[in-house]
Amino acid sequence: MRRPLLPTSVIPHAWSRSSSLVLYCSLAFNMLLIMGVFALRRKSSLTQPSLAQDPLDLHNRLQNAETSLLELKAQAQVVTASMDTLQDHLHPLPASQQVAARPWLTIGIPTFPRKEHRDYLTPTLSSLLEELPLDGSDPFFGRVQVLVMNNRPEAGAHPVFEALQKRIAEGNAEESFIAKARLYVSFLLNPGTVVDPAPDAPEPDDFNNPDNHPGREVRRQTCNLVALLEAAQPWAHHYMFMEDDFRVCPNTIRILHYVLRKAATVPGLRNWKGLRFSYGMAGIILRGSDMPLFTRFLRDSIARLPPDLIWLDWVFGRKAALRQALRNRPLAVYRYNLLDHIGTKSSFSVRVDRPSFPKCFDPMAEVWSIHTNERFQGKRCPNTDISPCKGTGSSEMWTQHPIEWPMDFPHDDADEELNSASNATIRIGP
């Protein structure tokens, strides 16, 4: 099935402008070459009416024409090689629009309306944007892309999404949140191209479902994940799974950069198949090069399992389609949890009594809701901050000593803070 095109707001401005210049120059130099050929032929016809009567003269003229064409091509190559310099001087874009063509990190946030129109999305985005710079000299400037996909795209179905999108489009650009959102955030509508393959399947009994058959709403959730992954694939160098009711902990973006760079440097982690730094279907990073295979596997498994259990099949390479691609590739796990769950109104009504979820910087070795092999291996790796740690020796000294990041994020009453933040940032209705 053909992948839906992203809206133009997703396409980085610098990329689209550079492409336009390349196309313009290409056309211009093609015309230049054609005009050169016609000029040479016209000159030849005027000076030598009977070229066929002198083969040697014809040969010399053809050689001269070929030399002229080569010179024109060389000039075209010189100008094409100067494109980057030209675009800085021809109608330069404001700094806020000069972003990288391919982001270092793409963050995908699927969103849907909550009961009572509860606004979790605004605090989630606010926490992310606090991590991102407006200073063009910052190495993270323009290198992160946030894709927010509305999974109830009918008009009026998701008023929180619509109000926030309008606020960002019409708000005061002097406000940091507005300025950053315009630079880093793109709003998408689910195109509806990923459909439930088993719409008539009976609903499972949530209290007696040993095979973990997904119900209608769970299958719909997986369809939404596939749609977002397919939209993000052309742009993602690394893809981060996020949800609309998790806020990132302080320094998360810089910590993730450190962790990804470390994983790419130490021999035992270089070929990692995923990075886990939180729980559920949030706090996971995939390589962009692995996204097509994982997305296809997720799509093929919509009616088989819930998405978090499909992810475990990926982690363990349980299916034949995955074994060759994932053989001997580790799952990297960061020592600390970097996401804080703020959602109190679940989209699923059946929830058994359970322990509280971990807060910012709680140990990933103690997260109860993920598989044992997804937890940080604290006993085996007491002196590092990424597991597994076997074969993680590196000649680069910085990788041998964990960085102690500030961990002063308050374990506050997220629901109380959410109420005040929601009232202050968004208003629904007249």
Foldseek 3Di string as FASTA:
>chain_A
DDFDADPPLQQQPVVVVLVVVLVVLVVVLVVVLVVLLVVLVVVCCVVPVCCVVPVVVVVVSVVVSVVVSVVSVVVSVVVSVCSVVVQCPPPHDPLLRDADRFAAEEEEEEDFAFPVRQQLQVQQLVLVLVLEDPDSVDPNRRRYAYEYEYAVPDPPRRQNLVQVVVCLVPDDCVDSSSSSCSRHYDYHYQPPPQDQPCPPDDADDPVDCVQAFDGPVLLSVLSSVLSRLSNCLVRGQKYFYAYSQKHFAPPVVVVVVVVLVLLCFFVLRNQAQWEAQFDDRGRIMGGSVCSVVLSVQSSVCSRRHGPLVSVVCQQVVVDPSRCVVCPSHHHKYFQFHGIAGLDDGDPDDDDDDDDDADGGGDTQCPGPRHDNSRGAPCVCCVFAGMPPCVRRDGPDVVSRHYDDDDRPDDPDNSNVVSVVVDVVPGDGDD
